[in-house]
């Protein structure tokens, strides 16, 4: 009886530790949550403004696809490099939030691209905001674009 109880305890402990290694874990790398794109431009639009808001993806992207955001000015476009360069946000549902810091004053539109994480040859989906937003140096502006 004692040997059976010990075997049962070992099996229960091994099973519990295996459950901790899969599925939704505490640090969130496998949990699905609304993606948040936080970062700044690196070259063309360097300044002191902040632009933030929420957007809705067009139908089609699958959960787990990678989501990239760029900001488009009158003569150029630049990707927003996420804080933690290797933490590319993934699609989970149809919404996302963003915060672009260190942005120059100007008038901008936003573009998102969705990629298959196993194939970066071309985006699966792309869309540009239907309207533009103007930000002043040092300002924090909320813009909830429609794509």
C-alpha atoms as a PDB file:
ATOM      1  CA  UNK A   1       0.000   0.000   0.000  1.00  0.00           C
ATOM      2  CA  UNK A   2       2.810   2.396   0.907  1.00  0.00           C
ATOM      3  CA  UNK A   3       4.603   1.716  -2.431  1.00  0.00           C
ATOM      4  CA  UNK A   4       1.361   2.354  -4.359  1.00  0.00           C
ATOM      5  CA  UNK A   5       0.864   5.649  -2.488  1.00  0.00           C
ATOM      6  CA  UNK A   6       4.439   6.762  -3.278  1.00  0.00           C
ATOM      7  CA  UNK A   7       4.022   5.892  -6.977  1.00  0.00           C
ATOM      8  CA  UNK A   8       0.762   7.841  -7.070  1.00  0.00           C
ATOM      9  CA  UNK A   9       2.429  10.848  -5.466  1.00  0.00           C
ATOM     10  CA  UNK A  10       5.315  10.768  -7.957  1.00  0.00           C
ATOM     11  CA  UNK A  11       2.910  10.494 -10.905  1.00  0.00           C
ATOM     12  CA  UNK A  12       0.853  13.420  -9.547  1.00  0.00           C
ATOM     13  CA  UNK A  13       3.952  15.602  -9.082  1.00  0.00           C
ATOM     14  CA  UNK A  14       5.303  14.800 -12.540  1.00  0.00           C
ATOM     15  CA  UNK A  15       1.885  15.488 -14.077  1.00  0.00           C
ATOM     16  CA  UNK A  16       1.566  18.810 -12.257  1.00  0.00           C
ATOM     17  CA  UNK A  17       5.015  19.950 -13.340  1.00  0.00           C
ATOM     18  CA  UNK A  18       4.273  19.003 -16.961  1.00  0.00           C
ATOM     19  CA  UNK A  19       1.097  21.081 -16.880  1.00  0.00           C
ATOM     20  CA  UNK A  20       3.138  24.076 -15.774  1.00  0.00           C
ATOM     21  CA  UNK A  21       5.275  23.820 -18.918  1.00  0.00           C
ATOM     22  CA  UNK A  22       2.502  23.939 -21.500  1.00  0.00           C
ATOM     23  CA  UNK A  23      -0.568  25.948 -22.343  1.00  0.00           C
ATOM     24  CA  UNK A  24      -1.140  29.378 -20.839  1.00  0.00           C
ATOM     25  CA  UNK A  25       1.724  30.133 -18.509  1.00  0.00           C
ATOM     26  CA  UNK A  26       2.259  32.947 -16.029  1.00  0.00           C
ATOM     27  CA  UNK A  27       4.709  34.981 -18.094  1.00  0.00           C
ATOM     28  CA  UNK A  28       2.280  35.232 -21.009  1.00  0.00           C
ATOM     29  CA  UNK A  29       4.363  33.913 -23.876  1.00  0.00           C
ATOM     30  CA  UNK A  30       1.710  31.394 -24.797  1.00  0.00           C
ATOM     31  CA  UNK A  31      -1.402  33.133 -23.553  1.00  0.00           C
ATOM     32  CA  UNK A  32      -3.506  34.878 -26.167  1.00  0.00           C
ATOM     33  CA  UNK A  33      -4.147  38.517 -25.329  1.00  0.00           C
ATOM     34  CA  UNK A  34      -4.862  41.694 -27.272  1.00  0.00           C
ATOM     35  CA  UNK A  35      -1.574  42.737 -28.892  1.00  0.00           C
ATOM     36  CA  UNK A  36      -0.007  45.993 -27.757  1.00  0.00           C
ATOM     37  CA  UNK A  37       2.515  47.579 -30.085  1.00  0.00           C
ATOM     38  CA  UNK A  38       4.755  49.914 -28.116  1.00  0.00           C
ATOM     39  CA  UNK A  39       7.834  51.490 -29.601  1.00  0.00           C
ATOM     40  CA  UNK A  40       9.290  54.397 -31.486  1.00  0.00           C
ATOM     41  CA  UNK A  41      10.533  55.323 -34.938  1.00  0.00           C
ATOM     42  CA  UNK A  42      14.282  55.151 -35.266  1.00  0.00           C
ATOM     43  CA  UNK A  43      15.273  57.423 -38.154  1.00  0.00           C
ATOM     44  CA  UNK A  44      12.844  59.735 -39.947  1.00  0.00           C
ATOM     45  CA  UNK A  45      10.331  60.864 -37.329  1.00  0.00           C
ATOM     46  CA  UNK A  46      12.410  61.326 -34.178  1.00  0.00           C
ATOM     47  CA  UNK A  47      10.885  63.821 -31.725  1.00  0.00           C
ATOM     48  CA  UNK A  48       9.121  64.173 -28.366  1.00  0.00           C
ATOM     49  CA  UNK A  49       5.422  63.496 -29.101  1.00  0.00           C
ATOM     50  CA  UNK A  50       3.424  60.376 -28.222  1.00  0.00           C
ATOM     51  CA  UNK A  51       0.668  58.878 -30.347  1.00  0.00           C
ATOM     52  CA  UNK A  52      -1.514  56.153 -28.869  1.00  0.00           C
ATOM     53  CA  UNK A  53      -4.828  54.418 -29.411  1.00  0.00           C
ATOM     54  CA  UNK A  54      -6.584  51.267 -30.529  1.00  0.00           C
ATOM     55  CA  UNK A  55      -7.281  49.778 -33.931  1.00  0.00           C
ATOM     56  CA  UNK A  56      -9.329  46.962 -35.409  1.00  0.00           C
ATOM     57  CA  UNK A  57      -7.890  44.519 -37.911  1.00  0.00           C
ATOM     58  CA  UNK A  58      -9.827  43.694 -41.046  1.00  0.00           C
ATOM     59  CA  UNK A  59     -11.209  40.124 -41.098  1.00  0.00           C
ATOM     60  CA  UNK A  60      -8.719  37.440 -42.050  1.00  0.00           C
ATOM     61  CA  UNK A  61      -5.586  37.355 -39.870  1.00  0.00           C
ATOM     62  CA  UNK A  62      -5.238  34.196 -37.789  1.00  0.00           C
ATOM     63  CA  UNK A  63      -4.295  34.063 -34.132  1.00  0.00           C
ATOM     64  CA  UNK A  64      -0.542  33.755 -33.889  1.00  0.00           C
ATOM     65  CA  UNK A  65       0.199  35.760 -37.052  1.00  0.00           C
ATOM     66  CA  UNK A  66       2.729  38.521 -36.410  1.00  0.00           C
ATOM     67  CA  UNK A  67       1.548  42.139 -36.410  1.00  0.00           C
ATOM     68  CA  UNK A  68       3.743  45.040 -37.475  1.00  0.00           C
ATOM     69  CA  UNK A  69       2.898  48.740 -37.436  1.00  0.00           C
ATOM     70  CA  UNK A  70       4.397  51.593 -39.428  1.00  0.00           C
ATOM     71  CA  UNK A  71       3.838  55.326 -39.403  1.00  0.00           C
ATOM     72  CA  UNK A  72       3.504  57.134 -42.716  1.00  0.00           C
ATOM     73  CA  UNK A  73       4.473  60.780 -43.204  1.00  0.00           C
ATOM     74  CA  UNK A  74       4.075  62.949 -46.290  1.00  0.00           C
ATOM     75  CA  UNK A  75       7.236  61.662 -47.980  1.00  0.00           C
ATOM     76  CA  UNK A  76       8.302  58.479 -46.181  1.00  0.00           C
ATOM     77  CA  UNK A  77       7.203  55.580 -44.024  1.00  0.00           C
ATOM     78  CA  UNK A  78       8.931  53.971 -41.070  1.00  0.00           C
ATOM     79  CA  UNK A  79       8.320  50.826 -39.069  1.00  0.00           C
ATOM     80  CA  UNK A  80       7.771  51.153 -35.349  1.00  0.00           C
ATOM     81  CA  UNK A  81      10.412  49.116 -33.602  1.00  0.00           C
ATOM     82  CA  UNK A  82       8.833  47.432 -30.580  1.00  0.00           C
ATOM     83  CA  UNK A  83      10.310  47.811 -27.132  1.00  0.00           C
ATOM     84  CA  UNK A  84      12.106  44.506 -26.697  1.00  0.00           C
ATOM     85  CA  UNK A  85      13.032  43.999 -30.354  1.00  0.00           C
ATOM     86  CA  UNK A  86      12.434  40.258 -30.323  1.00  0.00           C
ATOM     87  CA  UNK A  87       8.943  40.513 -28.821  1.00  0.00           C
ATOM     88  CA  UNK A  88       6.907  40.884 -31.995  1.00  0.00           C
ATOM     89  CA  UNK A  89       3.201  41.135 -31.115  1.00  0.00           C
ATOM     90  CA  UNK A  90       0.934  38.397 -32.436  1.00  0.00           C
ATOM     91  CA  UNK A  91      -2.681  38.575 -33.517  1.00  0.00           C
ATOM     92  CA  UNK A  92      -5.270  37.607 -30.912  1.00  0.00           C
ATOM     93  CA  UNK A  93      -8.779  38.557 -31.948  1.00  0.00           C
ATOM     94  CA  UNK A  94      -9.450  41.603 -34.092  1.00  0.00           C
ATOM     95  CA  UNK A  95      -8.217  44.482 -31.904  1.00  0.00           C
ATOM     96  CA  UNK A  96      -4.817  45.887 -31.039  1.00  0.00           C
ATOM     97  CA  UNK A  97      -3.530  48.850 -29.071  1.00  0.00           C
ATOM     98  CA  UNK A  98      -0.446  50.911 -29.751  1.00  0.00           C
ATOM     99  CA  UNK A  99       1.741  53.633 -28.288  1.00  0.00           C
ATOM    100  CA  UNK A 100       4.363  55.354 -30.415  1.00  0.00           C
ATOM    101  CA  UNK A 101       6.808  57.456 -28.406  1.00  0.00           C
ATOM    102  CA  UNK A 102       9.600  59.840 -29.413  1.00  0.00           C
ATOM    103  CA  UNK A 103       7.632  60.976 -32.470  1.00  0.00           C
ATOM    104  CA  UNK A 104       8.305  64.213 -34.394  1.00  0.00           C
ATOM    105  CA  UNK A 105       5.561  66.788 -34.921  1.00  0.00           C
ATOM    106  CA  UNK A 106       3.682  66.162 -38.150  1.00  0.00           C
ATOM    107  CA  UNK A 107       0.666  64.649 -39.865  1.00  0.00           C
ATOM    108  CA  UNK A 108       0.590  60.864 -40.152  1.00  0.00           C
ATOM    109  CA  UNK A 109      -1.384  57.801 -41.141  1.00  0.00           C
ATOM    110  CA  UNK A 110      -0.775  54.320 -39.748  1.00  0.00           C
ATOM    111  CA  UNK A 111      -0.294  51.083 -41.678  1.00  0.00           C
ATOM    112  CA  UNK A 112      -0.335  47.575 -40.278  1.00  0.00           C
ATOM    113  CA  UNK A 113       1.019  44.435 -41.879  1.00  0.00           C
ATOM    114  CA  UNK A 114       0.276  40.880 -40.805  1.00  0.00           C
ATOM    115  CA  UNK A 115       2.813  38.129 -41.488  1.00  0.00           C
ATOM    116  CA  UNK A 116       2.822  34.376 -41.211  1.00  0.00           C
ATOM    117  CA  UNK A 117       5.497  33.785 -38.538  1.00  0.00           C
ATOM    118  CA  UNK A 118       7.019  31.092 -40.783  1.00  0.00           C
ATOM    119  CA  UNK A 119       7.060  33.104 -44.029  1.00  0.00           C
ATOM    120  CA  UNK A 120       8.221  36.721 -44.252  1.00  0.00           C
ATOM    121  CA  UNK A 121       8.373  36.930 -48.036  1.00  0.00           C
ATOM    122  CA  UNK A 122       5.261  39.129 -48.195  1.00  0.00           C
ATOM    123  CA  UNK A 123       2.572  40.264 -45.758  1.00  0.00           C
ATOM    124  CA  UNK A 124      -0.642  38.217 -45.685  1.00  0.00           C
ATOM    125  CA  UNK A 125      -2.658  41.367 -44.967  1.00  0.00           C
ATOM    126  CA  UNK A 126      -1.971  45.077 -45.035  1.00  0.00           C
ATOM    127  CA  UNK A 127      -4.172  48.120 -44.376  1.00  0.00           C
ATOM    128  CA  UNK A 128      -3.706  51.883 -43.988  1.00  0.00           C
ATOM    129  CA  UNK A 129      -5.801  54.132 -41.763  1.00  0.00           C
ATOM    130  CA  UNK A 130      -8.603  55.932 -43.585  1.00  0.00           C
ATOM    131  CA  UNK A 131      -7.810  59.243 -41.880  1.00  0.00           C
ATOM    132  CA  UNK A 132      -4.691  61.034 -40.699  1.00  0.00           C
ATOM    133  CA  UNK A 133      -3.702  62.547 -37.373  1.00  0.00           C
ATOM    134  CA  UNK A 134      -1.609  65.622 -36.566  1.00  0.00           C
ATOM    135  CA  UNK A 135       0.652  65.732 -33.526  1.00  0.00           C
ATOM    136  CA  UNK A 136       2.560  68.666 -32.049  1.00  0.00           C
ATOM    137  CA  UNK A 137       6.023  68.425 -30.529  1.00  0.00           C
ATOM    138  CA  UNK A 138       5.775  67.212 -26.914  1.00  0.00           C
ATOM    139  CA  UNK A 139       2.046  66.407 -27.145  1.00  0.00           C
ATOM    140  CA  UNK A 140       0.303  63.141 -26.327  1.00  0.00           C
ATOM    141  CA  UNK A 141      -2.467  62.429 -28.831  1.00  0.00           C
ATOM    142  CA  UNK A 142      -5.027  59.585 -28.892  1.00  0.00           C
ATOM    143  CA  UNK A 143      -5.935  58.339 -32.362  1.00  0.00           C
ATOM    144  CA  UNK A 144      -8.244  55.340 -32.881  1.00  0.00           C
ATOM    145  CA  UNK A 145      -7.905  54.744 -36.629  1.00  0.00           C
ATOM    146  CA  UNK A 146     -10.295  52.932 -38.912  1.00  0.00           C
ATOM    147  CA  UNK A 147      -8.550  50.719 -41.449  1.00  0.00           C
END
